[in-house]
Amino acid sequence: MATITVSMPSTFNKTKVEFPDINWNEVMKAGILKRLNELKRFEELKNEGVL
């Protein structure tokens, strides 16, 4: 599995403290994978001439 480094605004640290039970790594990973799937679907539709 690849490792990436993300820079976040300082306000994110406050949010992490407010919600310590949330696995932020999983939240970010899910968001990235969702966006990648959206981009793949967009490319498929574009190549099919639907867009």
PDB file of N, CA and C in Angstrom:
ATOM      1  N   MET A   1       0.850  -1.174   0.000  1.00  0.00           N
ATOM      2  CA  MET A   1       0.000   0.000   0.000  1.00  0.00           C
ATOM      3  C   MET A   1       0.896   1.237   0.000  1.00  0.00           C
ATOM      4  N   ALA A   2       0.513   2.227  -0.762  1.00  0.00           N
ATOM      5  CA  ALA A   2       1.280   3.468  -0.855  1.00  0.00           C
ATOM      6  C   ALA A   2       1.042   4.338   0.375  1.00  0.00           C
ATOM      7  N   THR A   3       2.019   5.156   0.658  1.00  0.00           N
ATOM      8  CA  THR A   3       1.914   6.119   1.751  1.00  0.00           C
ATOM      9  C   THR A   3       1.960   7.515   1.154  1.00  0.00           C
ATOM     10  N   ILE A   4       1.054   8.368   1.626  1.00  0.00           N
ATOM     11  CA  ILE A   4       1.056   9.757   1.186  1.00  0.00           C
ATOM     12  C   ILE A   4       1.087  10.667   2.410  1.00  0.00           C
ATOM     13  N   THR A   5       1.577  11.871   2.209  1.00  0.00           N
ATOM     14  CA  THR A   5       1.604  12.873   3.265  1.00  0.00           C
ATOM     15  C   THR A   5       0.687  14.011   2.851  1.00  0.00           C
ATOM     16  N   VAL A   6      -0.174  14.420   3.763  1.00  0.00           N
ATOM     17  CA  VAL A   6      -1.142  15.475   3.478  1.00  0.00           C
ATOM     18  C   VAL A   6      -0.923  16.624   4.449  1.00  0.00           C
ATOM     19  N   SER A   7      -0.860  17.818   3.925  1.00  0.00           N
ATOM     20  CA  SER A   7      -0.775  19.005   4.776  1.00  0.00           C
ATOM     21  C   SER A   7      -2.184  19.504   5.052  1.00  0.00           C
ATOM     22  N   MET A   8      -2.476  19.721   6.306  1.00  0.00           N
ATOM     23  CA  MET A   8      -3.804  20.164   6.706  1.00  0.00           C
ATOM     24  C   MET A   8      -3.682  21.500   7.438  1.00  0.00           C
ATOM     25  N   PRO A   9      -4.732  22.329   7.364  1.00  0.00           N
ATOM     26  CA  PRO A   9      -4.695  23.588   8.113  1.00  0.00           C
ATOM     27  C   PRO A   9      -4.657  23.317   9.615  1.00  0.00           C
ATOM     28  N   SER A  10      -4.152  24.269  10.358  1.00  0.00           N
ATOM     29  CA  SER A  10      -4.019  24.089  11.811  1.00  0.00           C
ATOM     30  C   SER A  10      -5.364  23.856  12.491  1.00  0.00           C
ATOM     31  N   THR A  11      -6.440  24.324  11.884  1.00  0.00           N
ATOM     32  CA  THR A  11      -7.768  24.114  12.483  1.00  0.00           C
ATOM     33  C   THR A  11      -8.142  22.631  12.517  1.00  0.00           C
ATOM     34  N   PHE A  12      -7.505  21.841  11.663  1.00  0.00           N
ATOM     35  CA  PHE A  12      -7.802  20.411  11.655  1.00  0.00           C
ATOM     36  C   PHE A  12      -7.402  19.755  12.969  1.00  0.00           C
ATOM     37  N   ASN A  13      -6.322  20.215  13.576  1.00  0.00           N
ATOM     38  CA  ASN A  13      -5.898  19.647  14.859  1.00  0.00           C
ATOM     39  C   ASN A  13      -6.982  19.816  15.920  1.00  0.00           C
ATOM     40  N   LYS A  14      -7.666  20.945  15.912  1.00  0.00           N
ATOM     41  CA  LYS A  14      -8.760  21.176  16.857  1.00  0.00           C
ATOM     42  C   LYS A  14      -9.865  20.158  16.623  1.00  0.00           C
ATOM     43  N   THR A  15     -10.171  19.915  15.369  1.00  0.00           N
ATOM     44  CA  THR A  15     -11.222  18.947  15.026  1.00  0.00           C
ATOM     45  C   THR A  15     -10.812  17.544  15.466  1.00  0.00           C
ATOM     46  N   LYS A  16      -9.544  17.187  15.250  1.00  0.00           N
ATOM     47  CA  LYS A  16      -9.077  15.870  15.681  1.00  0.00           C
ATOM     48  C   LYS A  16      -9.243  15.687  17.187  1.00  0.00           C
ATOM     49  N   VAL A  17      -8.981  16.742  17.936  1.00  0.00           N
ATOM     50  CA  VAL A  17      -9.116  16.675  19.394  1.00  0.00           C
ATOM     51  C   VAL A  17     -10.586  16.559  19.793  1.00  0.00           C
ATOM     52  N   GLU A  18     -11.462  17.268  19.075  1.00  0.00           N
ATOM     53  CA  GLU A  18     -12.893  17.234  19.382  1.00  0.00           C
ATOM     54  C   GLU A  18     -13.509  15.873  19.102  1.00  0.00           C
ATOM     55  N   PHE A  19     -12.967  15.156  18.112  1.00  0.00           N
ATOM     56  CA  PHE A  19     -13.518  13.857  17.718  1.00  0.00           C
ATOM     57  C   PHE A  19     -12.417  12.795  17.713  1.00  0.00           C
ATOM     58  N   PRO A  20     -11.932  12.416  18.895  1.00  0.00           N
ATOM     59  CA  PRO A  20     -10.793  11.496  18.963  1.00  0.00           C
ATOM     60  C   PRO A  20     -11.125  10.057  18.538  1.00  0.00           C
ATOM     61  N   ASP A  21     -12.392   9.688  18.526  1.00  0.00           N
ATOM     62  CA  ASP A  21     -12.765   8.323  18.181  1.00  0.00           C
ATOM     63  C   ASP A  21     -12.776   8.065  16.677  1.00  0.00           C
ATOM     64  N   ILE A  22     -12.690   9.120  15.892  1.00  0.00           N
ATOM     65  CA  ILE A  22     -12.732   8.974  14.440  1.00  0.00           C
ATOM     66  C   ILE A  22     -11.357   8.572  13.929  1.00  0.00           C
ATOM     67  N   ASN A  23     -11.333   7.558  13.057  1.00  0.00           N
ATOM     68  CA  ASN A  23     -10.091   7.135  12.418  1.00  0.00           C
ATOM     69  C   ASN A  23      -9.900   8.021  11.185  1.00  0.00           C
ATOM     70  N   TRP A  24      -9.171   9.115  11.360  1.00  0.00           N
ATOM     71  CA  TRP A  24      -9.028  10.111  10.304  1.00  0.00           C
ATOM     72  C   TRP A  24      -8.300   9.570   9.094  1.00  0.00           C
ATOM     73  N   ASN A  25      -7.392   8.632   9.283  1.00  0.00           N
ATOM     74  CA  ASN A  25      -6.717   8.024   8.143  1.00  0.00           C
ATOM     75  C   ASN A  25      -7.717   7.306   7.251  1.00  0.00           C
ATOM     76  N   GLU A  26      -8.653   6.603   7.850  1.00  0.00           N
ATOM     77  CA  GLU A  26      -9.673   5.898   7.066  1.00  0.00           C
ATOM     78  C   GLU A  26     -10.623   6.876   6.380  1.00  0.00           C
ATOM     79  N   VAL A  27     -10.946   7.968   7.062  1.00  0.00           N
ATOM     80  CA  VAL A  27     -11.816   8.987   6.455  1.00  0.00           C
ATOM     81  C   VAL A  27     -11.146   9.559   5.209  1.00  0.00           C
ATOM     82  N   MET A  28      -9.873   9.881   5.316  1.00  0.00           N
ATOM     83  CA  MET A  28      -9.156  10.438   4.167  1.00  0.00           C
ATOM     84  C   MET A  28      -9.012   9.413   3.050  1.00  0.00           C
ATOM     85  N   LYS A  29      -8.697   8.181   3.415  1.00  0.00           N
ATOM     86  CA  LYS A  29      -8.552   7.136   2.408  1.00  0.00           C
ATOM     87  C   LYS A  29      -9.868   6.913   1.667  1.00  0.00           C
ATOM     88  N   ALA A  30     -10.973   6.869   2.396  1.00  0.00           N
ATOM     89  CA  ALA A  30     -12.282   6.682   1.763  1.00  0.00           C
ATOM     90  C   ALA A  30     -12.607   7.846   0.824  1.00  0.00           C
ATOM     91  N   GLY A  31     -12.286   9.051   1.238  1.00  0.00           N
ATOM     92  CA  GLY A  31     -12.539  10.219   0.399  1.00  0.00           C
ATOM     93  C   GLY A  31     -11.725  10.198  -0.884  1.00  0.00           C
ATOM     94  N   ILE A  32     -10.468   9.812  -0.779  1.00  0.00           N
ATOM     95  CA  ILE A  32      -9.607   9.742  -1.958  1.00  0.00           C
ATOM     96  C   ILE A  32     -10.099   8.658  -2.906  1.00  0.00           C
ATOM     97  N   LEU A  33     -10.421   7.479  -2.380  1.00  0.00           N
ATOM     98  CA  LEU A  33     -10.901   6.392  -3.225  1.00  0.00           C
ATOM     99  C   LEU A  33     -12.236   6.733  -3.886  1.00  0.00           C
ATOM    100  N   LYS A  34     -13.114   7.419  -3.172  1.00  0.00           N
ATOM    101  CA  LYS A  34     -14.385   7.843  -3.751  1.00  0.00           C
ATOM    102  C   LYS A  34     -14.156   8.782  -4.920  1.00  0.00           C
ATOM    103  N   ARG A  35     -13.254   9.746  -4.725  1.00  0.00           N
ATOM    104  CA  ARG A  35     -12.958  10.705  -5.801  1.00  0.00           C
ATOM    105  C   ARG A  35     -12.342  10.017  -7.003  1.00  0.00           C
ATOM    106  N   LEU A  36     -11.446   9.066  -6.784  1.00  0.00           N
ATOM    107  CA  LEU A  36     -10.847   8.319  -7.886  1.00  0.00           C
ATOM    108  C   LEU A  36     -11.904   7.545  -8.670  1.00  0.00           C
ATOM    109  N   ASN A  37     -12.852   6.943  -7.972  1.00  0.00           N
ATOM    110  CA  ASN A  37     -13.936   6.228  -8.652  1.00  0.00           C
ATOM    111  C   ASN A  37     -14.795   7.181  -9.463  1.00  0.00           C
ATOM    112  N   GLU A  38     -15.053   8.361  -8.928  1.00  0.00           N
ATOM    113  CA  GLU A  38     -15.823   9.362  -9.674  1.00  0.00           C
ATOM    114  C   GLU A  38     -15.084   9.775 -10.943  1.00  0.00           C
ATOM    115  N   LEU A  39     -13.783   9.976 -10.844  1.00  0.00           N
ATOM    116  CA  LEU A  39     -12.988  10.363 -12.008  1.00  0.00           C
ATOM    117  C   LEU A  39     -12.966   9.255 -13.060  1.00  0.00           C
ATOM    118  N   LYS A  40     -12.843   8.006 -12.610  1.00  0.00           N
ATOM    119  CA  LYS A  40     -12.866   6.875 -13.544  1.00  0.00           C
ATOM    120  C   LYS A  40     -14.208   6.799 -14.265  1.00  0.00           C
ATOM    121  N   ARG A  41     -15.282   6.978 -13.524  1.00  0.00           N
ATOM    122  CA  ARG A  41     -16.619   6.929 -14.129  1.00  0.00           C
ATOM    123  C   ARG A  41     -16.809   8.069 -15.121  1.00  0.00           C
ATOM    124  N   PHE A  42     -16.316   9.249 -14.785  1.00  0.00           N
ATOM    125  CA  PHE A  42     -16.388  10.386 -15.682  1.00  0.00           C
ATOM    126  C   PHE A  42     -15.662  10.080 -16.989  1.00  0.00           C
ATOM    127  N   GLU A  43     -14.459   9.495 -16.885  1.00  0.00           N
ATOM    128  CA  GLU A  43     -13.695   9.146 -18.082  1.00  0.00           C
ATOM    129  C   GLU A  43     -14.429   8.110 -18.923  1.00  0.00           C
ATOM    130  N   GLU A  44     -15.053   7.127 -18.263  1.00  0.00           N
ATOM    131  CA  GLU A  44     -15.818   6.114 -18.992  1.00  0.00           C
ATOM    132  C   GLU A  44     -16.973   6.750 -19.762  1.00  0.00           C
ATOM    133  N   LEU A  45     -17.713   7.631 -19.106  1.00  0.00           N
ATOM    134  CA  LEU A  45     -18.840   8.290 -19.765  1.00  0.00           C
ATOM    135  C   LEU A  45     -18.358   9.179 -20.913  1.00  0.00           C
ATOM    136  N   LYS A  46     -17.245   9.862 -20.702  1.00  0.00           N
ATOM    137  CA  LYS A  46     -16.691  10.729 -21.736  1.00  0.00           C
ATOM    138  C   LYS A  46     -16.273   9.899 -22.950  1.00  0.00           C
ATOM    139  N   ASN A  47     -15.635   8.748 -22.696  1.00  0.00           N
ATOM    140  CA  ASN A  47     -15.187   7.894 -23.798  1.00  0.00           C
ATOM    141  C   ASN A  47     -16.344   7.229 -24.536  1.00  0.00           C
ATOM    142  N   GLU A  48     -17.468   7.037 -23.847  1.00  0.00           N
ATOM    143  CA  GLU A  48     -18.655   6.457 -24.485  1.00  0.00           C
ATOM    144  C   GLU A  48     -19.448   7.509 -25.246  1.00  0.00           C
ATOM    145  N   GLY A  49     -19.066   8.758 -25.101  1.00  0.00           N
ATOM    146  CA  GLY A  49     -19.772   9.831 -25.802  1.00  0.00           C
ATOM    147  C   GLY A  49     -21.030  10.296 -25.108  1.00  0.00           C
ATOM    148  N   VAL A  50     -21.204   9.896 -23.865  1.00  0.00           N
ATOM    149  CA  VAL A  50     -22.388  10.300 -23.112  1.00  0.00           C
ATOM    150  C   VAL A  50     -22.248  11.742 -22.653  1.00  0.00           C
ATOM    151  N   LEU A  51     -21.044  12.173 -22.397  1.00  0.00           N
ATOM    152  CA  LEU A  51     -20.800  13.551 -21.953  1.00  0.00           C
ATOM    153  C   LEU A  51     -20.308  14.404 -23.095  1.00  0.00           C
TER     154      LEU A  51
END
